[in-house]
Amino acid sequence: MYPQSSQKRSWTFANEAQLHAFRVEQNTKYIEEHRSEAPLQDNLENYFLTPAEESLLLKQYEIYLVEFCRRFEPTMPKCVIGTAFHYFKRFYLNNTPMDYHPKEILATCVFVACKVEEFNVSINQFVNNIKGDRNKATDIVLSNELLLIGQLNYYLTIHNPFRPIEGFLIDIKTRSNMQNPERLRPQIDSFIDSTFFTDACLLHTPSQIGLAAVLHAASKEQENLDSYVTDLLFVSAREKLPGLIDAVRKIRMLVKNYQQPDREKVKAIEKKLDKCRNQNNNPDSELYKERLRRLYTDEDDLPAEDGSFHIADVSSDASAMNISQ
């Protein structure tokens, strides 16, 4: 149950300012550790990513994540997508994209989410959805798996809003006067998809997000569920109503205020990242390859040095994630 879960205890935060502080801390820490690599010590912002640039970059890779999941074969359950988003957002509270490129962490988040949600696909099936050198993709996903799990503090169980939504719809059918509540589903699904691109899952409970989706869908269908919430849903717990109303309002504002990243700006940030990223964690760098060689006992097992691994080609004109063939 969510009230006793690690998600509530360790991965639900007070406000957006707290999340921003975590991200700025990771950015500052990385710059301090790697500032000697910058050619001009008095102008670090031109070499390293700023927190705002990191945020824009991660927004773009969240778009790639959902596009990858939607194109995945076999069809991926929506609970896997929700869990992968949780993992991706949690990872970058404790890490910076300059240390671990999001294109590599993205794939690993989805792969681990498949396992946790019991969507049984082998690593070969998984990488068949990735364009590029699949042997190298396999090495990268598997080598990052334990890293990701460790950075999540081994808390892998995710409570998504899908189950609360089903509960609300059943209750509305049973106790309210709304005709055909099933017609709310398209708007509910659209709203939940939109919450993935915000920090809602780090700030609010699954039931709050689910109720926000239902109320949003009802308003789009010219229905009013206010009396259902006040007179039926919270009739015996009215003291909790103001907090719930405030949470629903904040969730809907998060969705409303979301803006897609500018692709041209993302391309520029990608080029900047290529220069300032941690080469120890860059599969294309000599430092990484040398470290990998030491882990292999048989050189024939090494991935090809000229192999490429592309979660997304941000230099192309395609807006969707270029990962499936």
Protein backbone atom coordinates (compact mmCIF):
# COMPACT_ATOMS: atom_id res chain seq x y z
CA MET A 1 0.00 0.00 0.00
CA TYR A 2 1.21 3.50 -0.85
CA PRO A 3 0.97 5.00 2.71
CA GLN A 4 3.59 2.49 3.94
CA SER A 5 5.66 2.46 0.74
CA SER A 6 9.23 3.53 0.04
CA GLN A 7 7.76 5.81 -2.62
CA LYS A 8 6.00 7.88 0.03
CA ARG A 9 8.79 7.61 2.56
CA SER A 10 11.81 8.29 0.34
CA TRP A 11 10.69 9.55 -3.06
CA THR A 12 7.85 11.99 -2.43
CA PHE A 13 9.00 15.55 -1.75
CA ALA A 14 7.55 18.70 -0.26
CA ASN A 15 7.64 21.10 -3.19
CA GLU A 16 9.25 22.03 -6.50
CA ALA A 17 11.84 24.20 -4.74
CA GLN A 18 13.21 21.13 -2.96
CA LEU A 19 13.54 19.25 -6.26
CA HIS A 20 15.26 22.23 -7.85
CA ALA A 21 17.72 22.39 -4.95
CA PHE A 22 18.66 18.73 -5.42
CA ARG A 23 19.32 19.27 -9.12
CA VAL A 24 21.36 22.42 -8.59
CA GLU A 25 23.41 20.61 -5.95
CA GLN A 26 24.32 17.82 -8.39
CA ASN A 27 25.18 20.33 -11.09
CA THR A 28 27.40 22.34 -8.74
CA LYS A 29 29.10 19.23 -7.41
CA TYR A 30 29.99 18.01 -10.89
CA ILE A 31 31.40 21.39 -11.95
CA GLU A 32 33.56 21.60 -8.83
CA GLU A 33 34.93 18.11 -9.47
CA HIS A 34 35.64 18.72 -13.17
CA ARG A 35 36.36 22.44 -13.37
CA SER A 36 40.01 21.80 -14.21
CA GLU A 37 38.83 20.40 -17.57
CA ALA A 38 37.36 23.74 -18.63
CA PRO A 39 39.61 25.74 -20.99
CA LEU A 40 38.61 29.05 -19.39
CA GLN A 41 38.39 28.92 -15.61
CA ASP A 42 36.64 32.30 -15.39
CA ASN A 43 33.78 31.32 -17.70
CA LEU A 44 32.56 27.90 -16.56
CA GLU A 45 28.98 28.43 -17.78
CA ASN A 46 30.17 28.39 -21.38
CA TYR A 47 31.75 24.96 -20.89
CA PHE A 48 29.50 23.13 -18.42
CA LEU A 49 25.74 22.77 -18.58
CA THR A 50 23.69 25.07 -16.38
CA PRO A 51 20.78 23.64 -14.32
CA ALA A 52 18.36 25.24 -16.79
CA GLU A 53 20.11 23.55 -19.71
CA GLU A 54 20.05 20.21 -17.92
CA SER A 55 16.32 20.61 -17.32
CA LEU A 56 15.69 21.36 -21.00
CA LEU A 57 17.78 18.38 -22.07
CA LEU A 58 15.98 15.98 -19.74
CA LYS A 59 12.61 17.25 -20.96
CA GLN A 60 13.59 16.27 -24.48
CA TYR A 61 14.70 12.82 -23.39
CA GLU A 62 11.43 12.32 -21.54
CA ILE A 63 9.74 12.80 -24.91
CA TYR A 64 12.09 10.23 -26.42
CA LEU A 65 11.29 7.86 -23.55
CA VAL A 66 7.54 7.88 -24.14
CA GLU A 67 7.96 7.61 -27.93
CA PHE A 68 10.27 4.63 -27.49
CA CYS A 69 7.78 2.91 -25.21
CA ARG A 70 4.87 3.56 -27.57
CA ARG A 71 6.74 2.10 -30.54
CA PHE A 72 8.06 -0.86 -28.61
CA GLU A 73 7.26 -4.32 -29.92
CA PRO A 74 5.55 -6.19 -28.37
CA THR A 75 3.14 -3.53 -27.11
CA MET A 76 4.27 -2.19 -23.76
CA PRO A 77 1.75 -1.89 -20.87
CA LYS A 78 1.22 1.64 -19.60
CA CYS A 79 2.36 0.65 -16.09
CA VAL A 80 5.84 0.00 -17.53
CA ILE A 81 5.91 3.50 -19.02
CA GLY A 82 4.87 5.06 -15.71
CA THR A 83 7.47 3.09 -13.78
CA ALA A 84 10.23 3.97 -16.27
CA PHE A 85 9.40 7.68 -15.85
CA HIS A 86 9.65 7.34 -12.07
CA TYR A 87 13.08 5.75 -12.39
CA PHE A 88 14.31 8.36 -14.88
CA LYS A 89 13.22 11.29 -12.72
CA ARG A 90 14.58 9.75 -9.52
CA PHE A 91 17.96 9.02 -11.10
CA TYR A 92 18.46 12.64 -12.12
CA LEU A 93 17.67 13.94 -8.67
CA ASN A 94 20.92 12.32 -7.53
CA ASN A 95 22.92 12.68 -10.75
CA THR A 96 23.63 15.14 -13.51
CA PRO A 97 23.35 14.47 -17.26
CA MET A 98 27.00 15.54 -17.50
CA ASP A 99 27.93 12.45 -15.51
CA TYR A 100 25.53 9.99 -17.15
CA HIS A 101 24.10 10.72 -20.57
CA PRO A 102 20.28 10.45 -20.54
CA LYS A 103 20.17 8.43 -23.78
CA GLU A 104 21.89 5.55 -21.97
CA ILE A 105 20.05 5.89 -18.66
CA LEU A 106 16.73 6.14 -20.50
CA ALA A 107 17.10 2.70 -22.06
CA THR A 108 18.17 1.18 -18.76
CA CYS A 109 15.17 2.70 -16.93
CA VAL A 110 12.78 1.13 -19.43
CA PHE A 111 14.56 -2.23 -19.28
CA VAL A 112 14.43 -2.38 -15.47
CA ALA A 113 10.80 -1.22 -15.52
CA CYS A 114 9.96 -4.14 -17.83
CA LYS A 115 11.41 -6.54 -15.28
CA VAL A 116 9.76 -4.97 -12.24
CA GLU A 117 6.33 -4.78 -13.88
CA GLU A 118 6.73 -8.38 -15.14
CA PHE A 119 6.57 -7.44 -18.80
CA ASN A 120 8.72 -10.33 -19.85
CA VAL A 121 11.07 -9.41 -22.68
CA SER A 122 14.60 -10.70 -23.07
CA ILE A 123 17.53 -8.35 -23.51
CA ASN A 124 17.68 -9.44 -27.17
CA GLN A 125 14.03 -8.55 -27.70
CA PHE A 126 14.61 -5.26 -25.94
CA VAL A 127 17.59 -4.12 -27.99
CA ASN A 128 15.85 -5.16 -31.20
CA ASN A 129 13.82 -2.00 -30.66
CA ILE A 130 16.98 0.12 -30.64
CA LYS A 131 18.51 1.49 -33.81
CA GLY A 132 22.26 1.05 -34.07
CA ASP A 133 24.82 -1.44 -32.80
CA ARG A 134 22.70 -3.81 -30.73
CA ASN A 135 25.66 -5.57 -29.17
CA LYS A 136 26.88 -2.27 -27.85
CA ALA A 137 23.36 -1.33 -26.74
CA THR A 138 23.20 -4.59 -24.79
CA ASP A 139 26.51 -3.86 -23.06
CA ILE A 140 25.43 -0.34 -22.14
CA VAL A 141 22.00 -1.32 -20.79
CA LEU A 142 23.34 -4.22 -18.74
CA SER A 143 26.36 -2.31 -17.43
CA ASN A 144 24.07 0.51 -16.23
CA GLU A 145 21.47 -1.77 -14.67
CA LEU A 146 23.13 -2.16 -11.27
CA LEU A 147 24.11 1.52 -11.30
CA LEU A 148 20.48 2.53 -11.77
CA ILE A 149 19.17 0.16 -9.14
CA GLY A 150 21.75 1.42 -6.66
CA GLN A 151 20.90 5.06 -7.36
CA LEU A 152 17.26 4.23 -6.69
CA ASN A 153 18.35 2.90 -3.28
CA TYR A 154 16.96 -0.47 -4.38
CA TYR A 155 13.42 0.88 -4.05
CA LEU A 156 11.92 -0.47 -7.25
CA THR A 157 8.22 -0.87 -6.46
CA ILE A 158 6.26 1.97 -8.03
CA HIS A 159 2.69 2.99 -7.26
CA ASN A 160 1.27 4.46 -10.46
CA PRO A 161 -2.10 6.30 -10.63
CA PHE A 162 -3.73 3.69 -12.87
CA ARG A 163 -5.22 1.59 -10.07
CA PRO A 164 -6.73 4.59 -8.21
CA ILE A 165 -8.26 5.73 -11.51
CA GLU A 166 -10.00 2.38 -11.91
CA GLY A 167 -11.27 2.67 -8.34
CA PHE A 168 -12.64 6.16 -8.95
CA LEU A 169 -14.42 5.10 -12.15
CA ILE A 170 -16.04 2.11 -10.43
CA ASP A 171 -17.16 4.34 -7.55
CA ILE A 172 -18.54 6.97 -9.93
CA LYS A 173 -20.52 4.32 -11.79
CA THR A 174 -21.88 2.99 -8.49
CA ARG A 175 -22.65 6.12 -6.50
CA SER A 176 -22.90 9.13 -8.82
CA ASN A 177 -25.50 10.18 -11.36
CA MET A 178 -23.05 10.52 -14.25
CA GLN A 179 -24.11 8.77 -17.40
CA ASN A 180 -21.49 6.49 -18.98
CA PRO A 181 -18.34 7.41 -16.99
CA GLU A 182 -16.32 5.29 -19.43
CA ARG A 183 -16.38 8.20 -21.87
CA LEU A 184 -13.93 9.94 -19.55
CA ARG A 185 -11.15 7.48 -20.36
CA PRO A 186 -9.61 9.22 -23.40
CA GLN A 187 -9.21 12.50 -21.51
CA ILE A 188 -7.98 10.68 -18.41
CA ASP A 189 -5.32 8.85 -20.42
CA SER A 190 -4.26 12.08 -22.12
CA PHE A 191 -3.94 13.87 -18.79
CA ILE A 192 -1.89 11.06 -17.22
CA ASP A 193 0.41 11.05 -20.24
CA SER A 194 0.93 14.78 -19.68
CA THR A 195 1.77 14.32 -16.00
CA PHE A 196 4.72 12.11 -17.01
CA PHE A 197 6.45 15.22 -18.37
CA THR A 198 6.08 17.06 -15.06
CA ASP A 199 7.35 16.40 -11.53
CA ALA A 200 3.89 15.38 -10.33
CA CYS A 201 4.99 11.83 -9.47
CA LEU A 202 7.69 13.23 -7.15
CA LEU A 203 5.33 15.63 -5.39
CA HIS A 204 1.90 14.02 -5.14
CA THR A 205 0.30 10.69 -4.27
CA PRO A 206 -0.98 8.34 -7.00
CA SER A 207 -4.57 8.82 -5.81
CA GLN A 208 -4.23 12.62 -5.99
CA ILE A 209 -2.88 12.37 -9.55
CA GLY A 210 -5.62 9.91 -10.45
CA LEU A 211 -8.37 12.13 -9.05
CA ALA A 212 -6.91 15.17 -10.83
CA ALA A 213 -7.10 13.20 -14.09
CA VAL A 214 -10.72 12.17 -13.48
CA LEU A 215 -11.82 15.71 -12.57
CA HIS A 216 -9.98 17.13 -15.58
CA ALA A 217 -11.66 14.61 -17.89
CA ALA A 218 -15.07 15.38 -16.37
CA SER A 219 -14.64 19.11 -17.00
CA LYS A 220 -13.65 18.40 -20.61
CA GLU A 221 -16.88 16.39 -20.98
CA GLN A 222 -18.93 19.24 -19.46
CA GLU A 223 -19.56 17.20 -16.32
CA ASN A 224 -19.28 18.41 -12.73
CA LEU A 225 -18.05 15.98 -10.07
CA ASP A 226 -17.75 18.50 -7.24
CA SER A 227 -20.71 17.06 -5.35
CA TYR A 228 -19.33 13.54 -5.80
CA VAL A 229 -16.05 14.60 -4.19
CA THR A 230 -17.50 16.64 -1.34
CA ASP A 231 -20.72 14.73 -0.55
CA LEU A 232 -19.68 11.14 -1.31
CA LEU A 233 -15.94 10.65 -1.60
CA PHE A 234 -14.94 12.72 1.45
CA VAL A 235 -18.18 12.83 3.39
CA SER A 236 -16.53 11.22 6.45
CA ALA A 237 -13.17 13.01 6.13
CA ARG A 238 -13.99 16.61 5.35
CA GLU A 239 -10.90 17.82 7.20
CA LYS A 240 -8.80 16.34 4.36
CA LEU A 241 -10.75 18.11 1.64
CA PRO A 242 -8.81 21.42 1.54
CA GLY A 243 -5.50 19.60 1.18
CA LEU A 244 -6.90 17.42 -1.59
CA ILE A 245 -8.33 20.38 -3.48
CA ASP A 246 -4.98 22.16 -3.25
CA ALA A 247 -3.11 19.08 -4.49
CA VAL A 248 -5.47 18.61 -7.45
CA ARG A 249 -5.11 22.28 -8.34
CA LYS A 250 -1.31 22.06 -8.26
CA ILE A 251 -1.24 18.92 -10.41
CA ARG A 252 -3.48 20.52 -13.02
CA MET A 253 -1.28 23.63 -13.01
CA LEU A 254 1.84 21.51 -13.53
CA VAL A 255 0.25 19.99 -16.61
CA LYS A 256 -1.07 23.32 -17.87
CA ASN A 257 2.28 25.10 -17.47
CA TYR A 258 4.37 22.42 -19.18
CA GLN A 259 6.17 23.60 -22.31
CA GLN A 260 7.89 21.35 -24.80
CA PRO A 261 11.61 22.03 -25.19
CA ASP A 262 12.88 23.93 -28.20
CA ARG A 263 14.62 21.45 -30.47
CA GLU A 264 17.25 23.93 -31.68
CA LYS A 265 18.21 24.75 -28.11
CA VAL A 266 18.41 21.05 -27.29
CA LYS A 267 20.76 20.47 -30.23
CA ALA A 268 23.07 23.18 -28.94
CA ILE A 269 22.98 21.68 -25.44
CA GLU A 270 23.80 18.24 -26.87
CA LYS A 271 26.90 19.65 -28.56
CA LYS A 272 27.92 21.32 -25.32
CA LEU A 273 27.35 18.07 -23.42
CA ASP A 274 29.63 16.15 -25.80
CA LYS A 275 32.51 18.32 -24.59
CA CYS A 276 31.81 18.49 -20.86
CA ARG A 277 30.42 15.01 -20.11
CA ASN A 278 32.34 12.61 -17.89
CA GLN A 279 34.50 10.61 -20.27
CA ASN A 280 34.79 7.78 -17.75
CA ASN A 281 31.09 7.13 -18.39
CA ASN A 282 31.13 7.75 -22.14
CA PRO A 283 30.99 4.44 -24.08
CA ASP A 284 32.70 6.10 -27.04
CA SER A 285 35.68 7.39 -25.06
CA GLU A 286 39.05 5.69 -24.74
CA LEU A 287 38.83 5.93 -20.95
CA TYR A 288 35.58 3.96 -20.94
CA LYS A 289 36.85 1.39 -23.43
CA GLU A 290 39.99 0.83 -21.41
CA ARG A 291 37.96 0.33 -18.25
CA LEU A 292 35.73 -2.10 -20.13
CA ARG A 293 38.72 -4.04 -21.43
CA ARG A 294 39.89 -4.65 -17.89
CA LEU A 295 36.52 -6.19 -17.08
CA TYR A 296 36.75 -8.70 -19.91
CA THR A 297 38.92 -11.77 -19.71
CA ASP A 298 38.59 -12.50 -23.42
CA GLU A 299 39.27 -9.65 -25.82
CA ASP A 300 37.03 -11.32 -28.40
CA ASP A 301 34.09 -10.48 -26.18
CA LEU A 302 34.72 -6.76 -26.43
CA PRO A 303 32.09 -4.66 -28.24
CA ALA A 304 33.21 -3.23 -31.55
CA GLU A 305 35.12 0.00 -31.16
CA ASP A 306 33.36 1.64 -34.09
CA GLY A 307 29.87 0.59 -32.93
CA SER A 308 27.23 3.23 -32.45
CA PHE A 309 24.32 3.36 -30.03
CA HIS A 310 21.58 5.89 -30.72
CA ILE A 311 18.59 6.27 -28.44
CA ALA A 312 17.79 9.43 -30.36
CA ASP A 313 19.39 11.33 -33.19
CA VAL A 314 18.99 14.88 -31.96
CA SER A 315 20.73 16.24 -35.01
CA SER A 316 17.98 14.93 -37.29
CA ASP A 317 14.76 16.68 -38.15
CA ALA A 318 12.63 13.89 -36.73
CA SER A 319 10.82 14.88 -33.57
CA ALA A 320 10.11 11.36 -32.41
CA MET A 321 12.52 9.06 -30.69
CA ASN A 322 14.56 7.33 -33.41
CA ILE A 323 14.89 4.00 -31.67
CA SER A 324 12.69 1.43 -33.39
CA GLN A 325 13.05 0.12 -36.89
